[in-house]
Protein backbone atom coordinates (compact mmCIF):
# COMPACT_ATOMS: atom_id res chain seq x y z
CA MET A 1 61.68 139.35 99.57
CA SER A 2 63.02 136.55 97.03
CA GLU A 3 60.54 134.42 95.69
CA ASN A 4 62.76 131.44 96.10
CA ARG A 5 64.41 132.33 99.81
CA VAL A 6 63.07 128.99 102.00
CA ARG A 7 61.97 130.79 105.43
CA GLU A 8 63.76 128.36 107.35
CA ALA A 9 66.52 128.63 109.93
CA SER A 10 67.61 126.79 112.82
CA VAL A 11 70.03 126.78 116.14
CA ALA A 12 71.83 125.09 119.17
CA ARG A 13 71.83 126.37 122.13
CA LYS A 14 73.59 124.85 125.05
CA THR A 15 73.82 125.86 128.20
CA ASN A 16 74.54 124.23 132.20
CA GLU A 17 70.89 124.37 132.00
CA THR A 18 69.92 123.01 128.91
CA ASP A 19 70.98 121.61 125.39
CA ILE A 20 68.43 122.13 121.68
CA LYS A 21 68.55 121.92 119.10
CA LEU A 22 65.79 123.58 116.92
CA THR A 23 64.35 124.62 113.50
CA PHE A 24 61.95 126.15 112.79
CA ALA A 25 60.16 126.95 109.05
CA VAL A 26 57.18 129.44 108.37
CA ASP A 27 55.96 127.91 105.56
CA GLY A 28 55.73 124.34 106.41
CA THR A 29 53.03 121.85 106.22
CA GLY A 30 52.26 121.63 110.13
CA GLU A 31 54.85 119.26 110.75
CA ALA A 32 56.28 118.90 114.22
CA LYS A 33 59.24 116.09 115.26
CA LEU A 34 59.55 117.17 119.13
CA ASP A 35 62.09 115.35 121.50
CA THR A 36 61.78 117.43 125.16
CA ASP A 37 61.44 116.47 128.10
CA VAL A 38 58.43 118.16 129.26
CA PRO A 39 55.05 116.32 127.20
CA PHE A 40 52.99 119.60 127.92
CA LEU A 41 55.12 121.83 126.23
CA ASN A 42 55.25 118.61 123.18
CA HIS A 43 51.56 119.20 122.62
CA MET A 44 51.18 122.52 123.17
CA LEU A 45 53.57 123.07 119.85
CA ASP A 46 52.29 120.03 118.18
CA LEU A 47 49.38 121.99 118.40
CA PHE A 48 51.14 125.25 117.61
CA THR A 49 53.02 123.96 114.63
CA LYS A 50 49.96 122.38 113.09
CA HIS A 51 47.66 125.05 113.45
CA GLY A 52 49.97 127.40 111.95
CA GLN A 53 51.17 125.34 108.79
CA PHE A 54 54.85 125.87 110.01
CA ASN A 55 57.79 123.00 110.47
CA LEU A 56 59.68 122.49 113.72
CA GLU A 57 61.46 120.21 114.98
CA VAL A 58 62.92 120.80 118.63
CA GLU A 59 65.36 118.00 120.33
CA ALA A 60 65.58 119.52 123.74
CA ARG A 61 67.57 117.86 126.87
CA GLY A 62 66.87 119.94 130.38
CA ASP A 63 67.19 120.26 134.33
CA ILE A 64 64.07 118.83 134.72
CA ASP A 65 65.48 117.59 137.81
CA ILE A 66 65.15 120.99 139.28
CA ASP A 67 61.62 122.18 136.75
CA ASP A 68 60.80 122.72 133.78
CA HIS A 69 61.34 126.20 133.90
CA HIS A 70 64.41 126.19 132.38
CA THR A 71 63.91 124.74 128.78
CA VAL A 72 60.18 126.25 128.18
CA GLU A 73 61.96 128.52 128.47
CA ASP A 74 64.58 127.75 126.46
CA ILE A 75 62.76 126.40 124.03
CA GLY A 76 61.10 129.81 123.64
CA ILE A 77 63.75 131.61 122.71
CA CYS A 78 65.31 128.99 120.37
CA ILE A 79 61.59 129.45 118.85
CA GLY A 80 61.95 133.08 118.38
CA GLN A 81 65.29 133.43 117.20
CA THR A 82 64.68 131.16 114.73
CA LEU A 83 61.28 132.94 113.81
CA ARG A 84 63.33 135.92 113.50
CA GLU A 85 66.14 135.17 111.27
CA ALA A 86 63.41 132.84 108.87
CA LEU A 87 61.44 136.18 108.22
CA GLY A 88 64.32 138.20 107.15
CA ASP A 89 63.83 142.26 106.21
CA LYS A 90 60.34 140.72 106.36
CA ARG A 91 59.29 142.34 103.21
CA GLY A 92 56.07 141.68 101.85
CA ILE A 93 54.73 140.17 105.11
CA LYS A 94 51.21 141.21 105.52
CA ARG A 95 52.87 142.20 109.79
CA TYR A 96 49.17 142.38 111.82
CA ALA A 97 47.07 139.07 113.14
CA SER A 98 44.41 138.74 115.31
CA VAL A 99 42.96 135.38 115.76
CA PHE A 100 40.31 133.99 118.00
CA VAL A 101 40.51 130.23 119.19
CA PRO A 102 37.49 128.40 121.25
CA MET A 103 38.57 125.12 123.13
CA ASP A 104 34.84 123.95 124.12
CA GLU A 105 34.16 126.79 126.64
CA ALA A 106 37.68 128.76 126.55
CA LEU A 107 37.98 130.86 123.99
CA ALA A 108 41.11 133.33 124.08
CA GLN A 109 42.67 135.22 121.37
CA VAL A 110 45.82 136.23 119.74
CA ILE A 111 47.55 139.12 118.19
CA ILE A 112 50.38 139.87 116.41
CA ASP A 113 52.69 142.34 115.14
CA VAL A 114 55.72 141.94 113.35
CA SER A 115 56.92 145.13 114.16
CA ASN A 116 60.95 144.26 115.20
CA ARG A 117 59.76 145.98 118.64
CA PRO A 118 59.57 143.12 121.30
CA HIS A 119 57.13 144.16 124.22
CA PHE A 120 53.88 141.47 125.88
CA GLU A 121 51.01 141.58 127.46
CA TYR A 122 48.94 138.60 128.98
CA ARG A 123 45.43 137.62 130.42
CA ALA A 124 45.43 135.05 131.50
CA GLU A 125 44.01 133.77 134.82
CA TYR A 126 43.77 129.76 134.97
CA PRO A 127 41.61 127.54 137.50
CA SER A 128 44.75 125.54 138.58
CA ALA A 129 48.06 126.46 138.59
CA GLN A 130 49.30 122.75 137.42
CA VAL A 131 48.30 120.74 134.13
CA GLY A 132 48.94 117.37 135.24
CA SER A 133 53.17 117.86 135.92
CA PHE A 134 53.47 121.28 134.31
CA SER A 135 53.03 124.54 136.04
CA THR A 136 50.89 126.96 134.43
CA GLU A 137 53.20 130.16 134.54
CA LEU A 138 55.73 128.73 132.17
CA VAL A 139 53.00 129.32 129.53
CA HIS A 140 54.08 133.13 130.34
CA GLU A 141 57.76 132.34 130.04
CA PHE A 142 57.30 130.21 126.83
CA LEU A 143 55.43 133.27 125.58
CA TRP A 144 57.68 136.24 126.65
CA LYS A 145 60.85 134.81 125.73
CA LEU A 146 58.90 134.05 122.31
CA ALA A 147 58.30 137.84 121.50
CA LEU A 148 61.01 139.19 123.34
CA GLU A 149 63.77 137.10 120.45
CA SER A 150 61.68 137.28 117.60
CA ARG A 151 60.99 141.50 118.08
CA ILE A 152 57.23 140.41 117.98
CA THR A 153 54.23 142.52 119.29
CA LEU A 154 52.18 139.55 121.30
CA HIS A 155 49.43 140.10 122.93
CA VAL A 156 47.52 136.90 124.42
CA ILE A 157 44.55 137.38 125.90
CA VAL A 158 42.41 134.65 127.63
CA HIS A 159 38.58 135.75 128.05
CA TYR A 160 37.28 132.52 129.84
CA GLY A 161 37.47 129.13 130.37
CA LYS A 162 36.85 126.75 133.26
CA ASN A 163 39.13 123.57 132.43
CA THR A 164 42.70 125.12 132.39
CA HIS A 165 44.54 122.30 129.63
CA HIS A 166 41.39 123.99 127.08
CA MET A 167 42.17 127.60 128.14
CA ILE A 168 46.05 127.52 127.15
CA GLU A 169 45.79 124.52 124.01
CA ALA A 170 43.23 127.98 123.27
CA VAL A 171 46.64 130.17 123.22
CA PHE A 172 48.56 127.49 121.24
CA LYS A 173 46.12 126.59 118.46
CA ALA A 174 45.18 131.07 118.37
CA LEU A 175 49.22 132.11 118.75
CA GLY A 176 49.94 129.65 115.77
CA ARG A 177 47.19 130.62 113.34
CA ALA A 178 47.94 134.11 114.50
CA LEU A 179 51.51 134.20 113.64
CA ASP A 180 50.46 132.27 110.73
CA GLU A 181 48.71 135.22 109.15
CA ALA A 182 51.08 137.80 109.95
CA THR A 183 53.82 136.19 108.37
CA SER A 184 51.81 135.41 105.38
CA ILE A 185 52.88 137.18 102.25
CA ASP A 186 50.06 138.88 100.87
CA PRO A 187 51.39 140.71 97.09
CA ARG A 188 49.87 144.12 97.55
CA VAL A 189 52.49 145.29 99.50
CA GLN A 190 55.29 146.58 97.95
CA GLY A 191 58.56 146.18 100.23
CA VAL A 192 57.95 146.17 103.84
CA PRO A 193 54.01 147.14 105.18
CA SER A 194 55.44 150.09 107.32
CA THR A 195 55.83 154.06 106.48
CA LYS A 196 59.23 154.00 108.07
CA GLY A 197 60.33 151.81 105.58
CA VAL A 198 61.83 149.02 107.19
CA LEU A 199 61.18 146.35 109.94
């Protein structure tokens, strides 16, 4: 990777269901500018950005009169697309990361391989189906679409917890920290970290 290359990308996605403008910077300062119709997702993205030391700007309108599904899913798609573009050929990255994050009584683990092979494994059982008006099943949708569009292997395990908000919060904090570690530049890595010679 060129030392001067800025690892940042932007995308605009407009469908009959959503209208999203999003910019994601891998090498940031933890600054989030979030304007969506889904307050709980705003909170989680703020945590993800702060703990990953990314910069994230999102302006999103969606058909929340139906539900939050399309907005959450499409933001996951957009973050995945910008992450993939920002990383470019992935030269010099660490590639792998495994991070545990506690949130009071809850413990979440996120394992990442920036592999160019999209795969998602999810082990989480939440005590409640809603956090406020937010459906907990949308956490799966967001994470799966992020993994698919960024072409990473993503494993998410919520080991235990009693408070659904805490459990999901631990996931997003761990996601930020794991992604930060996996995308960090290791000066010892020559080219890409793969015996194939390409990721």
